[in-house]
Amino acid sequence: MKRHCQACGAEIGLEGPTGRRDQCDGCGADLHACVQCRFYDTAASNQCREPQAERVQDKERANFCEFFQPAGGAGGGAASAGDEARRKLEALFKK
């Protein structure tokens, strides 16, 4: 399955595990971040569906979570439509 950046939608060409310092070639967003993970869910406790994961303050920055698994496809995380729209607007206006 092809992976896409959750910030800009660009296809991610990485093969193998995602490293903490890996970034999107399209927008420079950190790829080993909560918003890029399949467990990210704004409706879940601490916005994560993995019950053993430690709380991460900044969901858009790289972190050391050992449970990280890349989300598949564009918008592959379980973020709400409102969160996705907000991310796109922030990227557009470089907030």
Protein backbone atom coordinates (compact mmCIF):
# COMPACT_ATOMS: atom_id res chain seq x y z
CA MET A 1 0.00 0.00 0.00
CA LYS A 2 1.31 3.43 -0.87
CA ARG A 3 1.79 5.86 1.99
CA HIS A 4 1.05 9.56 1.84
CA CYS A 5 2.09 12.47 4.03
CA GLN A 6 -0.76 13.47 6.34
CA ALA A 7 0.27 17.13 6.09
CA CYS A 8 0.50 17.66 2.33
CA GLY A 9 -0.68 14.42 0.74
CA ALA A 10 2.60 13.77 -1.12
CA GLU A 11 3.48 10.13 -1.70
CA ILE A 12 6.15 8.86 0.68
CA GLY A 13 8.85 6.89 -1.08
CA LEU A 14 10.47 5.39 2.04
CA GLU A 15 10.89 1.65 2.23
CA GLY A 16 11.36 -0.10 5.54
CA PRO A 17 10.86 1.42 8.97
CA THR A 18 10.30 5.14 9.40
CA GLY A 19 13.18 6.75 11.29
CA ARG A 20 12.75 9.56 13.79
CA ARG A 21 14.56 12.02 11.51
CA ASP A 22 12.74 11.11 8.29
CA GLN A 23 10.83 13.98 6.69
CA CYS A 24 8.38 14.38 3.83
CA ASP A 25 10.13 15.34 0.58
CA GLY A 26 7.13 17.50 -0.34
CA CYS A 27 6.67 19.67 2.76
CA GLY A 28 9.35 18.72 5.27
CA ALA A 29 6.87 17.39 7.85
CA ASP A 30 8.22 14.86 10.33
CA LEU A 31 7.17 11.34 9.33
CA HIS A 32 7.70 9.63 12.71
CA ALA A 33 4.99 11.78 14.34
CA CYS A 34 1.62 10.96 15.85
CA VAL A 35 -0.36 12.50 12.97
CA GLN A 36 1.46 10.14 10.58
CA CYS A 37 0.69 7.03 12.69
CA ARG A 38 -2.11 4.52 12.17
CA PHE A 39 -2.97 4.73 15.89
CA TYR A 40 -3.61 8.51 15.79
CA ASP A 41 -7.25 9.23 16.60
CA THR A 42 -8.52 12.60 17.83
CA ALA A 43 -11.46 10.90 19.56
CA ALA A 44 -9.27 8.53 21.62
CA SER A 45 -7.64 9.15 24.99
CA ASN A 46 -4.45 11.18 24.41
CA GLN A 47 -5.41 11.04 20.71
CA CYS A 48 -3.91 7.54 20.42
CA ARG A 49 -5.62 4.15 20.04
CA GLU A 50 -2.53 2.32 21.37
CA PRO A 51 -3.26 1.90 25.11
CA GLN A 52 0.38 1.36 26.14
CA ALA A 53 1.84 4.38 24.32
CA GLU A 54 3.15 7.23 26.43
CA ARG A 55 1.48 10.61 26.02
CA VAL A 56 3.05 12.83 23.36
CA GLN A 57 2.49 16.57 23.69
CA ASP A 58 3.12 17.76 20.11
CA LYS A 59 1.42 15.34 17.72
CA GLU A 60 2.98 16.88 14.61
CA ARG A 61 6.65 16.66 15.67
CA ALA A 62 8.96 13.64 15.54
CA ASN A 63 8.94 11.50 18.68
CA PHE A 64 10.40 8.29 20.09
CA CYS A 65 7.16 6.29 20.36
CA GLU A 66 8.02 2.61 20.04
CA PHE A 67 4.46 1.75 18.93
CA PHE A 68 4.60 3.98 15.83
CA GLN A 69 3.21 2.37 12.68
CA PRO A 70 2.88 4.44 9.50
CA ALA A 71 -0.65 5.23 8.43
CA GLY A 72 -1.57 4.03 4.96
CA GLY A 73 -3.00 6.15 2.14
CA ALA A 74 -3.87 9.84 2.13
CA GLY A 75 -5.54 10.77 5.38
CA GLY A 76 -4.70 7.28 6.64
CA GLY A 77 -4.97 8.25 10.30
CA ALA A 78 -8.32 8.34 12.03
CA ALA A 79 -8.36 12.12 12.29
CA SER A 80 -11.70 13.84 11.99
CA ALA A 81 -12.62 15.80 8.87
CA GLY A 82 -12.30 19.02 10.86
CA ASP A 83 -8.75 18.18 11.97
CA GLU A 84 -7.77 17.30 8.41
CA ALA A 85 -9.19 20.58 7.09
CA ARG A 86 -7.40 22.55 9.82
CA ARG A 87 -4.07 20.86 8.96
CA LYS A 88 -4.51 21.70 5.29
CA LEU A 89 -5.30 25.35 6.07
CA GLU A 90 -2.31 25.62 8.40
CA ALA A 91 -0.07 24.15 5.70
CA LEU A 92 -1.52 26.55 3.16
CA PHE A 93 -0.92 29.59 5.35
CA LYS A 94 2.31 28.22 6.90
CA LYS A 95 1.02 28.63 10.45
